[in-house]
PDB file of N, CA and C in Angstrom:
ATOM      1  N   MET A   1      81.588 103.892  89.116  1.00  0.00           N
ATOM      2  CA  MET A   1      82.914 104.051  88.563  1.00  0.00           C
ATOM      3  C   MET A   1      83.455 105.405  89.001  1.00  0.00           C
ATOM      4  N   SER A   2      84.728 105.445  89.334  1.00  0.00           N
ATOM      5  CA  SER A   2      85.401 106.658  89.788  1.00  0.00           C
ATOM      6  C   SER A   2      86.553 106.990  88.853  1.00  0.00           C
ATOM      7  N   ARG A   3      86.924 108.260  88.838  1.00  0.00           N
ATOM      8  CA  ARG A   3      88.092 108.714  88.080  1.00  0.00           C
ATOM      9  C   ARG A   3      89.055 109.363  89.067  1.00  0.00           C
ATOM     10  N   ILE A   4      90.323 108.960  88.977  1.00  0.00           N
ATOM     11  CA  ILE A   4      91.364 109.477  89.854  1.00  0.00           C
ATOM     12  C   ILE A   4      92.544 109.932  88.995  1.00  0.00           C
ATOM     13  N   ARG A   5      93.110 111.062  89.383  1.00  0.00           N
ATOM     14  CA  ARG A   5      94.352 111.540  88.756  1.00  0.00           C
ATOM     15  C   ARG A   5      95.411 111.635  89.847  1.00  0.00           C
ATOM     16  N   GLY A   6      96.641 111.291  89.490  1.00  0.00           N
ATOM     17  CA  GLY A   6      97.721 111.401  90.464  1.00  0.00           C
ATOM     18  C   GLY A   6      99.005 110.814  89.947  1.00  0.00           C
ATOM     19  N   LYS A   7      99.912 110.546  90.892  1.00  0.00           N
ATOM     20  CA  LYS A   7     101.245 110.059  90.558  1.00  0.00           C
ATOM     21  C   LYS A   7     101.453 108.657  91.132  1.00  0.00           C
ATOM     22  N   VAL A   8     101.995 107.780  90.299  1.00  0.00           N
ATOM     23  CA  VAL A   8     102.290 106.406  90.700  1.00  0.00           C
ATOM     24  C   VAL A   8     103.609 106.388  91.468  1.00  0.00           C
ATOM     25  N   ARG A   9     103.620 105.594  92.538  1.00  0.00           N
ATOM     26  CA  ARG A   9     104.878 105.394  93.255  1.00  0.00           C
ATOM     27  C   ARG A   9     104.895 103.982  93.821  1.00  0.00           C
ATOM     28  N   LYS A  10     106.109 103.481  94.025  1.00  0.00           N
ATOM     29  CA  LYS A  10     106.270 102.153  94.620  1.00  0.00           C
ATOM     30  C   LYS A  10     106.511 102.338  96.109  1.00  0.00           C
ATOM     31  N   ASP A  11     105.632 101.756  96.910  1.00  0.00           N
ATOM     32  CA  ASP A  11     105.768 101.792  98.360  1.00  0.00           C
ATOM     33  C   ASP A  11     106.589 100.557  98.756  1.00  0.00           C
ATOM     34  N   PRO A  12     107.640 100.716  99.545  1.00  0.00           N
ATOM     35  CA  PRO A  12     108.535  99.598  99.842  1.00  0.00           C
ATOM     36  C   PRO A  12     107.984  98.547 100.807  1.00  0.00           C
ATOM     37  N   VAL A  13     106.778  98.716 101.309  1.00  0.00           N
ATOM     38  CA  VAL A  13     106.189  97.764 102.256  1.00  0.00           C
ATOM     39  C   VAL A  13     106.100  96.373 101.628  1.00  0.00           C
ATOM     40  N   GLU A  14     106.485  95.359 102.391  1.00  0.00           N
ATOM     41  CA  GLU A  14     106.359  93.956 101.980  1.00  0.00           C
ATOM     42  C   GLU A  14     106.946  93.685 100.589  1.00  0.00           C
ATOM     43  N   GLY A  15     108.105  94.239 100.300  1.00  0.00           N
ATOM     44  CA  GLY A  15     108.746  93.985  99.015  1.00  0.00           C
ATOM     45  C   GLY A  15     108.310  94.925  97.913  1.00  0.00           C
ATOM     46  N   GLY A  16     107.349  95.760  98.188  1.00  0.00           N
ATOM     47  CA  GLY A  16     106.941  96.782  97.229  1.00  0.00           C
ATOM     48  C   GLY A  16     105.569  96.562  96.639  1.00  0.00           C
ATOM     49  N   VAL A  17     104.724  97.548  96.801  1.00  0.00           N
ATOM     50  CA  VAL A  17     103.414  97.572  96.151  1.00  0.00           C
ATOM     51  C   VAL A  17     103.291  98.924  95.468  1.00  0.00           C
ATOM     52  N   TYR A  18     102.557  98.954  94.379  1.00  0.00           N
ATOM     53  CA  TYR A  18     102.357 100.215  93.680  1.00  0.00           C
ATOM     54  C   TYR A  18     101.093 100.884  94.173  1.00  0.00           C
ATOM     55  N   VAL A  19     101.225 102.185  94.370  1.00  0.00           N
ATOM     56  CA  VAL A  19     100.115 103.004  94.843  1.00  0.00           C
ATOM     57  C   VAL A  19     100.011 104.224  93.938  1.00  0.00           C
ATOM     58  N   ILE A  20      98.875 104.902  94.043  1.00  0.00           N
ATOM     59  CA  ILE A  20      98.728 106.206  93.408  1.00  0.00           C
ATOM     60  C   ILE A  20      98.489 107.218  94.503  1.00  0.00           C
ATOM     61  N   ASP A  21      99.303 108.256  94.501  1.00  0.00           N
ATOM     62  CA  ASP A  21      99.076 109.402  95.380  1.00  0.00           C
ATOM     63  C   ASP A  21      98.183 110.341  94.588  1.00  0.00           C
ATOM     64  N   ALA A  22      96.900 110.293  94.901  1.00  0.00           N
ATOM     65  CA  ALA A  22      95.896 111.028  94.124  1.00  0.00           C
ATOM     66  C   ALA A  22      95.966 112.520  94.408  1.00  0.00           C
ATOM     67  N   ASP A  23      95.539 113.296  93.423  1.00  0.00           N
ATOM     68  CA  ASP A  23      95.527 114.750  93.554  1.00  0.00           C
ATOM     69  C   ASP A  23      94.626 115.219  94.690  1.00  0.00           C
ATOM     70  N   ASP A  24      93.669 114.364  95.118  1.00  0.00           N
ATOM     71  CA  ASP A  24      92.774 114.737  96.212  1.00  0.00           C
ATOM     72  C   ASP A  24      93.384 114.459  97.594  1.00  0.00           C
ATOM     73  N   GLY A  25      94.653 113.996  97.633  1.00  0.00           N
ATOM     74  CA  GLY A  25      95.336 113.756  98.894  1.00  0.00           C
ATOM     75  C   GLY A  25      95.261 112.331  99.403  1.00  0.00           C
ATOM     76  N   GLN A  26      94.436 111.496  98.807  1.00  0.00           N
ATOM     77  CA  GLN A  26      94.269 110.105  99.229  1.00  0.00           C
ATOM     78  C   GLN A  26      95.317 109.235  98.535  1.00  0.00           C
ATOM     79  N   THR A  27      95.761 108.186  99.215  1.00  0.00           N
ATOM     80  CA  THR A  27      96.642 107.183  98.624  1.00  0.00           C
ATOM     81  C   THR A  27      95.845 105.905  98.448  1.00  0.00           C
ATOM     82  N   TYR A  28      95.935 105.321  97.245  1.00  0.00           N
ATOM     83  CA  TYR A  28      95.227 104.085  96.925  1.00  0.00           C
ATOM     84  C   TYR A  28      96.226 103.032  96.496  1.00  0.00           C
ATOM     85  N   GLN A  29      96.039 101.800  96.971  1.00  0.00           N
ATOM     86  CA  GLN A  29      96.837 100.686  96.471  1.00  0.00           C
ATOM     87  C   GLN A  29      96.242 100.274  95.127  1.00  0.00           C
ATOM     88  N   LEU A  30      97.102 100.077  94.129  1.00  0.00           N
ATOM     89  CA  LEU A  30      96.621  99.740  92.791  1.00  0.00           C
ATOM     90  C   LEU A  30      96.374  98.249  92.638  1.00  0.00           C
ATOM     91  N   ALA A  31      95.266  97.931  92.001  1.00  0.00           N
ATOM     92  CA  ALA A  31      94.941  96.561  91.618  1.00  0.00           C
ATOM     93  C   ALA A  31      94.474  96.620  90.169  1.00  0.00           C
ATOM     94  N   GLY A  32      94.925  95.697  89.362  1.00  0.00           N
ATOM     95  CA  GLY A  32      94.559  95.706  87.951  1.00  0.00           C
ATOM     96  C   GLY A  32      95.496  96.596  87.156  1.00  0.00           C
ATOM     97  N   GLY A  33      95.093  96.911  85.948  1.00  0.00           N
ATOM     98  CA  GLY A  33      95.977  97.651  85.056  1.00  0.00           C
ATOM     99  C   GLY A  33      97.027  96.713  84.491  1.00  0.00           C
ATOM    100  N   ASP A  34      97.962  97.265  83.747  1.00  0.00           N
ATOM    101  CA  ASP A  34      99.020  96.433  83.176  1.00  0.00           C
ATOM    102  C   ASP A  34     100.386  96.910  83.653  1.00  0.00           C
ATOM    103  N   ALA A  35     101.437  96.247  83.190  1.00  0.00           N
ATOM    104  CA  ALA A  35     102.793  96.555  83.640  1.00  0.00           C
ATOM    105  C   ALA A  35     103.201  97.986  83.307  1.00  0.00           C
ATOM    106  N   LYS A  36     102.691  98.548  82.229  1.00  0.00           N
ATOM    107  CA  LYS A  36     103.054  99.918  81.833  1.00  0.00           C
ATOM    108  C   LYS A  36     102.535 100.951  82.833  1.00  0.00           C
ATOM    109  N   LEU A  37     101.491 100.610  83.572  1.00  0.00           N
ATOM    110  CA  LEU A  37     100.954 101.508  84.595  1.00  0.00           C
ATOM    111  C   LEU A  37     101.932 101.661  85.755  1.00  0.00           C
ATOM    112  N   ARG A  38     102.639 100.596  86.069  1.00  0.00           N
ATOM    113  CA  ARG A  38     103.503 100.555  87.248  1.00  0.00           C
ATOM    114  C   ARG A  38     104.878 101.134  86.935  1.00  0.00           C
ATOM    115  N   LYS A  39     104.902 102.440  86.768  1.00  0.00           N
ATOM    116  CA  LYS A  39     106.125 103.166  86.450  1.00  0.00           C
ATOM    117  C   LYS A  39     106.269 104.316  87.453  1.00  0.00           C
ATOM    118  N   GLU A  40     107.274 104.211  88.306  1.00  0.00           N
ATOM    119  CA  GLU A  40     107.511 105.187  89.369  1.00  0.00           C
ATOM    120  C   GLU A  40     107.520 106.619  88.830  1.00  0.00           C
ATOM    121  N   GLY A  41     106.726 107.485  89.449  1.00  0.00           N
ATOM    122  CA  GLY A  41     106.703 108.901  89.111  1.00  0.00           C
ATOM    123  C   GLY A  41     105.788 109.280  87.963  1.00  0.00           C
ATOM    124  N   GLN A  42     105.196 108.309  87.304  1.00  0.00           N
ATOM    125  CA  GLN A  42     104.320 108.582  86.161  1.00  0.00           C
ATOM    126  C   GLN A  42     103.006 109.212  86.629  1.00  0.00           C
ATOM    127  N   ARG A  43     102.592 110.286  85.975  1.00  0.00           N
ATOM    128  CA  ARG A  43     101.280 110.885  86.246  1.00  0.00           C
ATOM    129  C   ARG A  43     100.264 110.160  85.371  1.00  0.00           C
ATOM    130  N   VAL A  44      99.138 109.772  85.985  1.00  0.00           N
ATOM    131  CA  VAL A  44      98.131 108.997  85.279  1.00  0.00           C
ATOM    132  C   VAL A  44      96.724 109.460  85.621  1.00  0.00           C
ATOM    133  N   GLU A  45      95.798 109.046  84.780  1.00  0.00           N
ATOM    134  CA  GLU A  45      94.366 109.205  85.018  1.00  0.00           C
ATOM    135  C   GLU A  45      93.780 107.801  84.975  1.00  0.00           C
ATOM    136  N   LEU A  46      93.099 107.407  86.050  1.00  0.00           N
ATOM    137  CA  LEU A  46      92.560 106.061  86.189  1.00  0.00           C
ATOM    138  C   LEU A  46      91.040 106.103  86.254  1.00  0.00           C
ATOM    139  N   ASP A  47      90.413 105.123  85.634  1.00  0.00           N
ATOM    140  CA  ASP A  47      88.984 104.879  85.817  1.00  0.00           C
ATOM    141  C   ASP A  47      88.844 103.503  86.436  1.00  0.00           C
ATOM    142  N   GLY A  48      87.968 103.401  87.421  1.00  0.00           N
ATOM    143  CA  GLY A  48      87.761 102.123  88.086  1.00  0.00           C
ATOM    144  C   GLY A  48      86.913 102.293  89.321  1.00  0.00           C
ATOM    145  N   ASP A  49      87.113 101.379  90.263  1.00  0.00           N
ATOM    146  CA  ASP A  49      86.292 101.350  91.469  1.00  0.00           C
ATOM    147  C   ASP A  49      87.146 101.354  92.718  1.00  0.00           C
ATOM    148  N   VAL A  50      86.736 102.150  93.687  1.00  0.00           N
ATOM    149  CA  VAL A  50      87.385 102.167  94.990  1.00  0.00           C
ATOM    150  C   VAL A  50      86.731 101.098  95.849  1.00  0.00           C
ATOM    151  N   ASP A  51      87.564 100.250  96.462  1.00  0.00           N
ATOM    152  CA  ASP A  51      87.064  99.232  97.384  1.00  0.00           C
ATOM    153  C   ASP A  51      87.555  99.611  98.771  1.00  0.00           C
ATOM    154  N   GLU A  52      86.722 100.327  99.508  1.00  0.00           N
ATOM    155  CA  GLU A  52      87.080 100.820 100.846  1.00  0.00           C
ATOM    156  C   GLU A  52      87.349  99.686 101.829  1.00  0.00           C
ATOM    157  N   GLY A  53      86.732  98.540 101.607  1.00  0.00           N
ATOM    158  CA  GLY A  53      86.869  97.432 102.540  1.00  0.00           C
ATOM    159  C   GLY A  53      88.062  96.541 102.278  1.00  0.00           C
ATOM    160  N   ALA A  54      88.655  96.641 101.105  1.00  0.00           N
ATOM    161  CA  ALA A  54      89.762  95.751 100.756  1.00  0.00           C
ATOM    162  C   ALA A  54      91.080  96.332 101.242  1.00  0.00           C
ATOM    163  N   MET A  55      91.931  95.462 101.717  1.00  0.00           N
ATOM    164  CA  MET A  55      93.299  95.832 102.061  1.00  0.00           C
ATOM    165  C   MET A  55      94.190  94.744 101.488  1.00  0.00           C
ATOM    166  N   GLY A  56      95.149  95.150 100.690  1.00  0.00           N
ATOM    167  CA  GLY A  56      96.113  94.198 100.162  1.00  0.00           C
ATOM    168  C   GLY A  56      97.193  93.939 101.194  1.00  0.00           C
ATOM    169  N   PHE A  57      98.151  93.114 100.840  1.00  0.00           N
ATOM    170  CA  PHE A  57      99.212  92.802 101.792  1.00  0.00           C
ATOM    171  C   PHE A  57     100.083  94.013 102.094  1.00  0.00           C
ATOM    172  N   GLY A  58     100.005  95.055 101.248  1.00  0.00           N
ATOM    173  CA  GLY A  58     100.771  96.270 101.487  1.00  0.00           C
ATOM    174  C   GLY A  58     100.183  97.146 102.574  1.00  0.00           C
ATOM    175  N   MET A  59      98.924  96.918 102.935  1.00  0.00           N
ATOM    176  CA  MET A  59      98.263  97.674 103.999  1.00  0.00           C
ATOM    177  C   MET A  59      98.328  99.179 103.756  1.00  0.00           C
ATOM    178  N   VAL A  60      98.139  99.586 102.494  1.00  0.00           N
ATOM    179  CA  VAL A  60      98.242 100.993 102.115  1.00  0.00           C
ATOM    180  C   VAL A  60      96.896 101.453 101.581  1.00  0.00           C
ATOM    181  N   GLY A  61      96.172 102.220 102.371  1.00  0.00           N
ATOM    182  CA  GLY A  61      94.930 102.841 101.915  1.00  0.00           C
ATOM    183  C   GLY A  61      93.920 101.890 101.319  1.00  0.00           C
ATOM    184  N   PRO A  62      92.818 102.439 100.829  1.00  0.00           N
ATOM    185  CA  PRO A  62      91.854 101.598 100.128  1.00  0.00           C
ATOM    186  C   PRO A  62      92.449 101.142  98.802  1.00  0.00           C
ATOM    187  N   THR A  63      91.892 100.106  98.250  1.00  0.00           N
ATOM    188  CA  THR A  63      92.341  99.569  96.962  1.00  0.00           C
ATOM    189  C   THR A  63      91.551 100.210  95.842  1.00  0.00           C
ATOM    190  N   PHE A  64      92.245 100.555  94.765  1.00  0.00           N
ATOM    191  CA  PHE A  64      91.594 101.071  93.565  1.00  0.00           C
ATOM    192  C   PHE A  64      91.734 100.019  92.482  1.00  0.00           C
ATOM    193  N   GLN A  65      90.597  99.455  92.067  1.00  0.00           N
ATOM    194  CA  GLN A  65      90.577  98.433  91.009  1.00  0.00           C
ATOM    195  C   GLN A  65      90.524  99.153  89.666  1.00  0.00           C
ATOM    196  N   VAL A  66      91.640  99.137  88.950  1.00  0.00           N
ATOM    197  CA  VAL A  66      91.781  99.860  87.693  1.00  0.00           C
ATOM    198  C   VAL A  66      91.040  99.135  86.577  1.00  0.00           C
ATOM    199  N   LYS A  67      90.165  99.861  85.900  1.00  0.00           N
ATOM    200  CA  LYS A  67      89.481  99.332  84.714  1.00  0.00           C
ATOM    201  C   LYS A  67      90.182  99.808  83.454  1.00  0.00           C
ATOM    202  N   THR A  68      90.459 101.117  83.375  1.00  0.00           N
ATOM    203  CA  THR A  68      91.212 101.693  82.274  1.00  0.00           C
ATOM    204  C   THR A  68      92.123 102.784  82.819  1.00  0.00           C
ATOM    205  N   TRP A  69      93.170 103.091  82.078  1.00  0.00           N
ATOM    206  CA  TRP A  69      94.072 104.148  82.507  1.00  0.00           C
ATOM    207  C   TRP A  69      94.756 104.755  81.291  1.00  0.00           C
ATOM    208  N   LYS A  70      95.273 105.969  81.498  1.00  0.00           N
ATOM    209  CA  LYS A  70      96.066 106.632  80.467  1.00  0.00           C
ATOM    210  C   LYS A  70      97.035 107.586  81.133  1.00  0.00           C
ATOM    211  N   PRO A  71      98.160 107.859  80.488  1.00  0.00           N
ATOM    212  CA  PRO A  71      99.084 108.852  81.043  1.00  0.00           C
ATOM    213  C   PRO A  71      98.366 110.186  81.156  1.00  0.00           C
ATOM    214  N   GLY A  72      98.697 110.941  82.144  1.00  0.00           N
ATOM    215  CA  GLY A  72      98.046 112.225  82.273  1.00  0.00           C
ATOM    216  C   GLY A  72      98.375 112.899  83.524  1.00  0.00           C
TER     217      GLY A  72
END
């Protein structure tokens, strides 16, 4: 399990996918979580798993499978 902090943003690729621009400089495509997570500009702390091999249709970085999250 990994913990990531950063800012949520909507990437306009393929109609829009939500990503997190992590404080460590990496961008992850978000998978899981709920609708409240997907709020442009929101700072969050996520717990979950990085799937380096997965690529969603947005083709944006590795996928982060969100298990839990909170504003932060």
